[in-house]
Amino acid sequence: MPATTATLLLSLTALIAVIDGDTFDINGERVRIANIDAPELHRAKCDAEKRLAELARKRLEELLADDDIEVVPGDPGTGRKKDRNGRTLAVIKSGGADIGELMIAEGLVRPWEGKRRSWCEQD
């Protein structure tokens, strides 16, 4: 992720498009929040996952609307810069607070553990 991406987030928030609870586009670049696993919005396996995914997406939109957004490139656990889908991995901060940790505390997402797990009780 170029160093200017954080500046773009601060000054061009209108260019942010939230895809789901852990992914957004900024100025044509797809970014995945590295330290969380959000429920799938477009490929939900059950109604509960779909509902939680919608709440997580809405909350991420609210958090990214802040004027004090910082992008810290790379996955702090692995050091990877991109995920298997080619998305830029980054920790995102709002007012110095880690957005991923905040969303975990709010029960909207969970910590990323290296692989996806089901959000549905019966899976």
N, C-alpha and C. Protein backbone atom coordinates (compact mmCIF):
# COMPACT_ATOMS: atom_id res chain seq x y z
N MET A 1 0.86 -1.17 0.00
CA MET A 1 0.00 0.00 0.00
C MET A 1 0.90 1.23 0.00
N PRO A 2 0.68 2.15 -0.91
CA PRO A 2 1.52 3.34 -0.93
C PRO A 2 1.34 4.15 0.34
N ALA A 3 2.36 4.88 0.74
CA ALA A 3 2.30 5.69 1.96
C ALA A 3 1.22 6.74 1.86
N THR A 4 0.86 7.16 0.65
CA THR A 4 -0.14 8.22 0.48
C THR A 4 -1.56 7.73 0.73
N THR A 5 -1.78 6.42 0.83
CA THR A 5 -3.14 5.92 1.04
C THR A 5 -3.72 6.45 2.34
N ALA A 6 -2.94 6.51 3.42
CA ALA A 6 -3.46 7.04 4.68
C ALA A 6 -3.89 8.49 4.51
N THR A 7 -3.12 9.26 3.77
CA THR A 7 -3.47 10.65 3.52
C THR A 7 -4.76 10.73 2.72
N LEU A 8 -4.93 9.86 1.74
CA LEU A 8 -6.17 9.84 0.96
C LEU A 8 -7.37 9.55 1.85
N LEU A 9 -7.21 8.62 2.79
CA LEU A 9 -8.30 8.33 3.70
C LEU A 9 -8.69 9.56 4.51
N LEU A 10 -7.70 10.32 4.89
CA LEU A 10 -7.98 11.50 5.70
C LEU A 10 -8.65 12.61 4.90
N SER A 11 -8.24 12.79 3.65
CA SER A 11 -8.70 13.95 2.91
C SER A 11 -9.75 13.66 1.85
N LEU A 12 -9.93 12.40 1.49
CA LEU A 12 -10.87 12.07 0.42
C LEU A 12 -11.84 10.97 0.86
N THR A 13 -12.45 11.14 2.01
CA THR A 13 -13.31 10.09 2.54
C THR A 13 -14.46 9.75 1.61
N ALA A 14 -14.85 10.64 0.71
CA ALA A 14 -15.92 10.35 -0.23
C ALA A 14 -15.55 9.22 -1.18
N LEU A 15 -14.27 8.91 -1.31
CA LEU A 15 -13.81 7.85 -2.20
C LEU A 15 -13.79 6.48 -1.54
N ILE A 16 -14.22 6.38 -0.30
CA ILE A 16 -14.25 5.11 0.41
C ILE A 16 -15.59 4.42 0.14
N ALA A 17 -15.50 3.15 -0.27
CA ALA A 17 -16.69 2.33 -0.46
C ALA A 17 -16.53 1.06 0.37
N VAL A 18 -17.37 0.89 1.37
CA VAL A 18 -17.29 -0.28 2.24
C VAL A 18 -17.97 -1.46 1.56
N ILE A 19 -17.26 -2.57 1.47
CA ILE A 19 -17.75 -3.78 0.81
C ILE A 19 -18.47 -4.66 1.83
N ASP A 20 -17.82 -4.90 2.96
CA ASP A 20 -18.40 -5.68 4.05
C ASP A 20 -17.71 -5.27 5.34
N GLY A 21 -17.83 -6.06 6.38
CA GLY A 21 -17.31 -5.67 7.69
C GLY A 21 -15.81 -5.65 7.84
N ASP A 22 -15.06 -6.20 6.86
CA ASP A 22 -13.61 -6.16 6.96
C ASP A 22 -12.92 -5.71 5.67
N THR A 23 -13.70 -5.25 4.69
CA THR A 23 -13.12 -4.88 3.40
C THR A 23 -13.74 -3.58 2.89
N PHE A 24 -12.87 -2.72 2.33
CA PHE A 24 -13.35 -1.48 1.73
C PHE A 24 -12.44 -1.10 0.58
N ASP A 25 -12.94 -0.26 -0.31
CA ASP A 25 -12.16 0.29 -1.41
C ASP A 25 -11.84 1.74 -1.12
N ILE A 26 -10.63 2.13 -1.42
CA ILE A 26 -10.23 3.53 -1.31
C ILE A 26 -9.45 3.88 -2.57
N ASN A 27 -10.01 4.80 -3.32
CA ASN A 27 -9.34 5.29 -4.52
C ASN A 27 -8.91 4.14 -5.44
N GLY A 28 -9.79 3.15 -5.60
CA GLY A 28 -9.52 2.03 -6.50
C GLY A 28 -8.72 0.89 -5.90
N GLU A 29 -8.29 1.01 -4.67
CA GLU A 29 -7.52 -0.04 -4.00
C GLU A 29 -8.41 -0.76 -3.00
N ARG A 30 -8.45 -2.09 -3.08
CA ARG A 30 -9.24 -2.88 -2.14
C ARG A 30 -8.37 -3.20 -0.92
N VAL A 31 -8.90 -2.87 0.27
CA VAL A 31 -8.17 -3.05 1.53
C VAL A 31 -8.96 -3.98 2.43
N ARG A 32 -8.27 -4.95 3.01
CA ARG A 32 -8.88 -5.84 4.00
C ARG A 32 -8.23 -5.57 5.34
N ILE A 33 -9.07 -5.38 6.36
CA ILE A 33 -8.56 -5.18 7.72
C ILE A 33 -7.92 -6.49 8.16
N ALA A 34 -6.63 -6.42 8.47
CA ALA A 34 -5.81 -7.62 8.65
C ALA A 34 -6.12 -8.42 9.90
N ASN A 35 -6.55 -7.78 10.96
CA ASN A 35 -6.61 -8.47 12.25
C ASN A 35 -8.01 -8.94 12.65
N ILE A 36 -8.95 -8.96 11.69
CA ILE A 36 -10.31 -9.40 12.03
C ILE A 36 -10.87 -10.36 10.98
N ASP A 37 -11.88 -11.09 11.39
CA ASP A 37 -12.69 -11.94 10.51
C ASP A 37 -14.13 -11.47 10.67
N ALA A 38 -14.70 -10.95 9.60
CA ALA A 38 -16.08 -10.46 9.64
C ALA A 38 -17.00 -11.48 8.97
N PRO A 39 -18.26 -11.52 9.40
CA PRO A 39 -19.21 -12.40 8.73
C PRO A 39 -19.36 -12.00 7.26
N GLU A 40 -19.65 -12.99 6.42
CA GLU A 40 -19.79 -12.75 4.98
C GLU A 40 -21.13 -12.09 4.69
N LEU A 41 -21.08 -11.02 3.95
CA LEU A 41 -22.30 -10.31 3.58
C LEU A 41 -22.92 -10.92 2.33
N HIS A 42 -22.12 -11.15 1.32
CA HIS A 42 -22.63 -11.61 0.02
C HIS A 42 -22.67 -13.12 -0.12
N ARG A 43 -22.01 -13.83 0.78
CA ARG A 43 -22.01 -15.30 0.75
C ARG A 43 -22.37 -15.87 2.11
N ALA A 44 -23.31 -15.23 2.80
CA ALA A 44 -23.72 -15.69 4.14
C ALA A 44 -24.31 -17.09 4.05
N LYS A 45 -23.97 -17.91 5.03
CA LYS A 45 -24.45 -19.30 5.06
C LYS A 45 -25.74 -19.47 5.87
N CYS A 46 -26.14 -18.43 6.61
CA CYS A 46 -27.36 -18.49 7.40
C CYS A 46 -27.86 -17.07 7.65
N ASP A 47 -29.10 -16.95 8.11
CA ASP A 47 -29.68 -15.64 8.37
C ASP A 47 -28.93 -14.87 9.45
N ALA A 48 -28.47 -15.57 10.48
CA ALA A 48 -27.74 -14.91 11.56
C ALA A 48 -26.45 -14.28 11.04
N GLU A 49 -25.74 -14.99 10.17
CA GLU A 49 -24.52 -14.43 9.59
C GLU A 49 -24.84 -13.21 8.74
N LYS A 50 -25.88 -13.28 7.95
CA LYS A 50 -26.27 -12.16 7.10
C LYS A 50 -26.60 -10.92 7.93
N ARG A 51 -27.38 -11.10 9.02
CA ARG A 51 -27.75 -9.98 9.88
C ARG A 51 -26.52 -9.35 10.52
N LEU A 52 -25.62 -10.18 11.06
CA LEU A 52 -24.42 -9.66 11.70
C LEU A 52 -23.51 -8.99 10.66
N ALA A 53 -23.45 -9.55 9.47
CA ALA A 53 -22.63 -8.96 8.40
C ALA A 53 -23.13 -7.57 8.04
N GLU A 54 -24.43 -7.39 7.99
CA GLU A 54 -24.99 -6.07 7.69
C GLU A 54 -24.65 -5.06 8.79
N LEU A 55 -24.73 -5.50 10.05
CA LEU A 55 -24.37 -4.62 11.16
C LEU A 55 -22.89 -4.25 11.13
N ALA A 56 -22.03 -5.23 10.82
CA ALA A 56 -20.59 -4.99 10.76
C ALA A 56 -20.25 -4.02 9.62
N ARG A 57 -20.88 -4.18 8.47
CA ARG A 57 -20.63 -3.27 7.35
C ARG A 57 -21.04 -1.85 7.70
N LYS A 58 -22.22 -1.72 8.30
CA LYS A 58 -22.70 -0.38 8.68
C LYS A 58 -21.77 0.26 9.71
N ARG A 59 -21.31 -0.51 10.67
CA ARG A 59 -20.41 0.03 11.70
C ARG A 59 -19.07 0.45 11.08
N LEU A 60 -18.55 -0.35 10.15
CA LEU A 60 -17.30 0.02 9.50
C LEU A 60 -17.48 1.32 8.72
N GLU A 61 -18.61 1.50 8.06
CA GLU A 61 -18.89 2.76 7.37
C GLU A 61 -18.83 3.94 8.34
N GLU A 62 -19.46 3.76 9.51
CA GLU A 62 -19.46 4.83 10.52
C GLU A 62 -18.04 5.14 10.98
N LEU A 63 -17.26 4.11 11.25
CA LEU A 63 -15.90 4.31 11.75
C LEU A 63 -14.99 4.96 10.71
N LEU A 64 -15.17 4.60 9.45
CA LEU A 64 -14.34 5.17 8.39
C LEU A 64 -14.74 6.59 8.02
N ALA A 65 -15.87 7.05 8.52
CA ALA A 65 -16.31 8.42 8.26
C ALA A 65 -15.58 9.42 9.16
N ASP A 66 -14.83 8.92 10.14
CA ASP A 66 -14.06 9.78 11.04
C ASP A 66 -13.00 10.54 10.24
N ASP A 67 -12.63 11.71 10.71
CA ASP A 67 -11.62 12.51 10.04
C ASP A 67 -10.19 12.09 10.39
N ASP A 68 -10.02 11.25 11.40
CA ASP A 68 -8.70 10.89 11.88
C ASP A 68 -8.44 9.41 11.65
N ILE A 69 -8.33 9.01 10.38
CA ILE A 69 -8.11 7.61 10.02
C ILE A 69 -6.64 7.40 9.66
N GLU A 70 -6.08 6.31 10.17
CA GLU A 70 -4.70 5.95 9.87
C GLU A 70 -4.67 4.53 9.33
N VAL A 71 -3.92 4.33 8.25
CA VAL A 71 -3.75 3.00 7.67
C VAL A 71 -2.33 2.53 7.98
N VAL A 72 -2.24 1.37 8.64
CA VAL A 72 -0.94 0.78 8.96
C VAL A 72 -0.78 -0.45 8.08
N PRO A 73 -0.03 -0.35 6.99
CA PRO A 73 0.08 -1.45 6.02
C PRO A 73 0.64 -2.73 6.62
N GLY A 74 0.12 -3.85 6.12
CA GLY A 74 0.63 -5.16 6.49
C GLY A 74 -0.14 -5.82 7.61
N ASP A 75 -0.07 -7.13 7.64
CA ASP A 75 -0.67 -7.94 8.69
C ASP A 75 0.32 -8.03 9.84
N PRO A 76 -0.04 -7.53 11.03
CA PRO A 76 0.92 -7.55 12.14
C PRO A 76 1.31 -8.96 12.57
N GLY A 77 0.47 -9.93 12.32
CA GLY A 77 0.78 -11.30 12.72
C GLY A 77 1.72 -12.02 11.77
N THR A 78 1.57 -11.77 10.47
CA THR A 78 2.35 -12.51 9.47
C THR A 78 3.31 -11.63 8.68
N GLY A 79 3.09 -10.33 8.69
CA GLY A 79 3.91 -9.43 7.89
C GLY A 79 3.50 -9.36 6.43
N ARG A 80 2.50 -10.17 6.04
CA ARG A 80 2.07 -10.15 4.63
C ARG A 80 1.46 -8.80 4.27
N LYS A 81 1.66 -8.38 3.03
CA LYS A 81 1.11 -7.11 2.53
C LYS A 81 -0.18 -7.32 1.76
N LYS A 82 -0.39 -8.53 1.21
CA LYS A 82 -1.57 -8.85 0.42
C LYS A 82 -2.16 -10.17 0.89
N ASP A 83 -3.49 -10.32 0.75
CA ASP A 83 -4.11 -11.60 1.06
C ASP A 83 -4.18 -12.45 -0.20
N ARG A 84 -4.73 -13.64 -0.11
CA ARG A 84 -4.76 -14.55 -1.26
C ARG A 84 -5.63 -14.04 -2.40
N ASN A 85 -6.49 -13.06 -2.12
CA ASN A 85 -7.33 -12.47 -3.15
C ASN A 85 -6.74 -11.18 -3.72
N GLY A 86 -5.53 -10.85 -3.31
CA GLY A 86 -4.86 -9.67 -3.83
C GLY A 86 -5.23 -8.37 -3.13
N ARG A 87 -6.01 -8.46 -2.05
CA ARG A 87 -6.38 -7.25 -1.31
C ARG A 87 -5.21 -6.81 -0.43
N THR A 88 -5.04 -5.51 -0.31
CA THR A 88 -4.03 -4.96 0.59
C THR A 88 -4.46 -5.25 2.03
N LEU A 89 -3.57 -5.79 2.83
CA LEU A 89 -3.82 -6.03 4.25
C LEU A 89 -3.32 -4.85 5.05
N ALA A 90 -4.12 -4.41 6.02
CA ALA A 90 -3.72 -3.27 6.85
C ALA A 90 -4.50 -3.25 8.15
N VAL A 91 -3.88 -2.67 9.16
CA VAL A 91 -4.58 -2.34 10.40
C VAL A 91 -5.08 -0.92 10.22
N ILE A 92 -6.34 -0.68 10.57
CA ILE A 92 -6.95 0.64 10.38
C ILE A 92 -7.23 1.23 11.76
N LYS A 93 -6.81 2.50 11.93
CA LYS A 93 -7.03 3.17 13.22
C LYS A 93 -7.88 4.42 13.03
N SER A 94 -8.70 4.68 14.01
CA SER A 94 -9.54 5.88 14.03
C SER A 94 -9.28 6.59 15.36
N GLY A 95 -8.76 7.80 15.29
CA GLY A 95 -8.42 8.52 16.51
C GLY A 95 -7.40 7.78 17.35
N GLY A 96 -6.54 7.00 16.71
CA GLY A 96 -5.52 6.22 17.41
C GLY A 96 -5.99 4.85 17.87
N ALA A 97 -7.31 4.60 17.84
CA ALA A 97 -7.85 3.31 18.28
C ALA A 97 -7.94 2.35 17.10
N ASP A 98 -7.58 1.10 17.33
CA ASP A 98 -7.64 0.06 16.30
C ASP A 98 -9.10 -0.27 16.00
N ILE A 99 -9.54 -0.02 14.76
CA ILE A 99 -10.93 -0.27 14.37
C ILE A 99 -11.28 -1.75 14.51
N GLY A 100 -10.35 -2.63 14.13
CA GLY A 100 -10.59 -4.06 14.27
C GLY A 100 -10.85 -4.46 15.71
N GLU A 101 -10.01 -3.98 16.62
CA GLU A 101 -10.19 -4.30 18.05
C GLU A 101 -11.50 -3.73 18.58
N LEU A 102 -11.86 -2.55 18.13
CA LEU A 102 -13.12 -1.95 18.53
C LEU A 102 -14.31 -2.79 18.08
N MET A 103 -14.27 -3.24 16.82
CA MET A 103 -15.38 -4.05 16.29
C MET A 103 -15.43 -5.43 16.97
N ILE A 104 -14.27 -5.96 17.36
CA ILE A 104 -14.25 -7.22 18.12
C ILE A 104 -14.94 -7.00 19.46
N ALA A 105 -14.58 -5.93 20.15
CA ALA A 105 -15.17 -5.62 21.46
C ALA A 105 -16.69 -5.42 21.36
N GLU A 106 -17.14 -4.92 20.23
CA GLU A 106 -18.58 -4.70 20.01
C GLU A 106 -19.31 -5.97 19.58
N GLY A 107 -18.58 -7.07 19.38
CA GLY A 107 -19.19 -8.35 19.01
C GLY A 107 -19.61 -8.45 17.56
N LEU A 108 -19.10 -7.58 16.70
CA LEU A 108 -19.49 -7.58 15.29
C LEU A 108 -18.58 -8.44 14.43
N VAL A 109 -17.35 -8.64 14.87
CA VAL A 109 -16.36 -9.45 14.17
C VAL A 109 -15.59 -10.22 15.22
N ARG A 110 -14.66 -11.08 14.77
CA ARG A 110 -13.80 -11.79 15.73
C ARG A 110 -12.35 -11.67 15.27
N PRO A 111 -11.43 -11.98 16.15
CA PRO A 111 -10.02 -11.89 15.75
C PRO A 111 -9.72 -12.86 14.61
N TRP A 112 -8.88 -12.43 13.68
CA TRP A 112 -8.45 -13.29 12.59
C TRP A 112 -7.49 -14.33 13.15
N GLU A 113 -7.76 -15.61 12.89
CA GLU A 113 -6.95 -16.71 13.41
C GLU A 113 -6.25 -17.49 12.31
N GLY A 114 -6.15 -16.89 11.13
CA GLY A 114 -5.44 -17.54 10.04
C GLY A 114 -6.33 -18.29 9.06
N LYS A 115 -7.58 -18.50 9.42
CA LYS A 115 -8.53 -19.13 8.50
C LYS A 115 -9.95 -18.76 8.93
N ARG A 116 -10.86 -18.85 7.98
CA ARG A 116 -12.26 -18.54 8.25
C ARG A 116 -12.92 -19.68 9.02
N ARG A 117 -13.83 -19.30 9.89
CA ARG A 117 -14.68 -20.26 10.60
C ARG A 117 -16.13 -19.90 10.34
N SER A 118 -17.00 -20.83 10.52
CA SER A 118 -18.42 -20.60 10.28
C SER A 118 -18.99 -19.63 11.32
N TRP A 119 -19.92 -18.79 10.87
CA TRP A 119 -20.68 -17.91 11.74
C TRP A 119 -22.03 -18.52 12.08
N CYS A 120 -22.31 -19.69 11.55
CA CYS A 120 -23.60 -20.35 11.76
C CYS A 120 -23.42 -21.48 12.78
N GLU A 121 -24.33 -21.58 13.71
CA GLU A 121 -24.21 -22.54 14.80
C GLU A 121 -24.12 -23.98 14.34
N GLN A 122 -24.81 -24.34 13.28
CA GLN A 122 -24.88 -25.75 12.87
C GLN A 122 -23.78 -26.18 11.93
N ASP A 123 -22.95 -25.26 11.47
CA ASP A 123 -21.87 -25.63 10.55
C ASP A 123 -20.66 -26.14 11.28
